[in-house]
Amino acid sequence: MKSAVMILLLSVPLLGCHIEPTAALSLAAARGDLPAVQRLLASGTPADQRDEYAYTPLMWAAWYGRTDVARRLLDAGAEMRAAVFIEMEVCRCAHCK
């Protein structure tokens, strides 16, 4: 599992897209705020909750290289499949400025 997370995180380029998450769990994941991620998950927020861009918290954690948050989300049941498509989304995002 650890190697899969590292491969996922190392394969995601940061292309300077100017969007930011507004859903609480996605925002905490993007910022690398592990205590907030843990609180939100404990309060019942789904690990795969999508934000207004249809991104999951795991996608945001991967985008910003937040390995500790990504591991916690995976432990909470986040689907890695959902985050695998982030490279395609990042490329699309580069054109949405």
Protein backbone atom coordinates (compact mmCIF):
# COMPACT_ATOMS: atom_id res chain seq x y z
CA MET A 1 0.00 0.00 0.00
CA LYS A 2 2.76 2.47 0.88
CA SER A 3 4.44 2.07 -2.49
CA ALA A 4 1.13 2.60 -4.27
CA VAL A 5 0.62 5.87 -2.40
CA MET A 6 4.13 7.03 -3.18
CA ILE A 7 3.79 6.16 -6.87
CA LEU A 8 0.49 8.01 -6.99
CA LEU A 9 1.90 11.08 -5.28
CA LEU A 10 5.14 11.17 -7.24
CA SER A 11 3.36 10.87 -10.58
CA VAL A 12 1.18 13.94 -10.12
CA PRO A 13 2.59 17.15 -11.58
CA LEU A 14 1.56 20.46 -10.08
CA LEU A 15 0.67 22.64 -13.05
CA GLY A 16 -0.34 25.80 -11.21
CA CYS A 17 -4.07 25.49 -11.62
CA HIS A 18 -5.90 28.32 -9.88
CA ILE A 19 -8.74 26.39 -8.32
CA GLU A 20 -9.02 25.62 -4.63
CA PRO A 21 -11.31 23.24 -2.80
CA THR A 22 -14.12 24.61 -0.67
CA ALA A 23 -15.45 21.35 0.84
CA ALA A 24 -14.02 21.05 4.36
CA LEU A 25 -12.37 17.64 3.95
CA SER A 26 -10.91 18.50 0.55
CA LEU A 27 -9.55 21.78 1.90
CA ALA A 28 -7.98 20.06 4.91
CA ALA A 29 -6.47 17.41 2.61
CA ALA A 30 -5.04 20.04 0.25
CA ARG A 31 -3.51 21.94 3.17
CA GLY A 32 -2.08 18.78 4.73
CA ASP A 33 -4.02 19.41 7.95
CA LEU A 34 -4.02 15.85 9.28
CA PRO A 35 -5.76 16.68 12.61
CA ALA A 36 -8.62 18.36 10.71
CA VAL A 37 -8.84 15.42 8.29
CA GLN A 38 -9.04 13.02 11.24
CA ARG A 39 -11.74 15.13 12.97
CA LEU A 40 -13.84 15.35 9.80
CA LEU A 41 -13.58 11.62 9.13
CA ALA A 42 -14.46 10.85 12.76
CA SER A 43 -17.53 13.09 12.49
CA GLY A 44 -18.81 11.04 9.56
CA THR A 45 -17.60 12.93 6.50
CA PRO A 46 -17.16 10.33 3.74
CA ALA A 47 -13.52 9.82 2.71
CA ASP A 48 -14.55 10.03 -0.97
CA GLN A 49 -16.77 13.10 -0.69
CA ARG A 50 -16.43 15.06 -3.93
CA ASP A 51 -16.27 18.84 -3.99
CA GLU A 52 -17.75 21.23 -6.55
CA TYR A 53 -15.00 20.28 -9.03
CA ALA A 54 -15.84 16.57 -8.57
CA TYR A 55 -12.41 16.01 -6.96
CA THR A 56 -12.02 13.79 -3.91
CA PRO A 57 -9.95 14.66 -0.83
CA LEU A 58 -7.46 12.00 -1.96
CA MET A 59 -7.05 13.81 -5.29
CA TRP A 60 -6.24 17.05 -3.45
CA ALA A 61 -3.84 15.29 -1.07
CA ALA A 62 -2.09 13.70 -4.05
CA TRP A 63 -1.98 16.97 -5.97
CA TYR A 64 -0.17 18.70 -3.11
CA GLY A 65 1.98 15.74 -2.06
CA ARG A 66 0.36 15.27 1.36
CA THR A 67 1.42 11.66 1.90
CA ASP A 68 0.33 11.44 5.55
CA VAL A 69 -3.14 12.71 4.65
CA ALA A 70 -3.35 10.40 1.63
CA ARG A 71 -2.51 7.41 3.81
CA ARG A 72 -5.16 8.40 6.36
CA LEU A 73 -7.78 8.82 3.64
CA LEU A 74 -6.91 5.41 2.18
CA ASP A 75 -7.15 3.88 5.65
CA ALA A 76 -10.61 5.47 5.95
CA GLY A 77 -11.74 3.80 2.75
CA ALA A 78 -10.96 6.36 0.06
CA GLU A 79 -10.86 4.75 -3.37
CA MET A 80 -7.44 4.99 -4.98
CA ARG A 81 -9.16 4.42 -8.33
CA ALA A 82 -10.77 7.83 -8.01
CA ALA A 83 -7.41 9.53 -7.54
CA VAL A 84 -5.71 7.76 -10.42
CA PHE A 85 -7.52 10.04 -12.84
CA ILE A 86 -6.02 13.18 -11.31
CA GLU A 87 -3.29 13.40 -13.95
CA MET A 88 -5.93 13.71 -16.63
CA GLU A 89 -7.82 16.23 -14.51
CA VAL A 90 -4.67 18.23 -13.80
CA CYS A 91 -4.02 18.48 -17.54
CA ARG A 92 -7.61 19.57 -18.14
CA CYS A 93 -7.31 22.09 -15.33
CA ALA A 94 -4.26 23.67 -16.93
CA HIS A 95 -6.56 24.75 -19.75
CA CYS A 96 -9.37 26.13 -17.52
CA LYS A 97 -7.65 29.34 -16.42
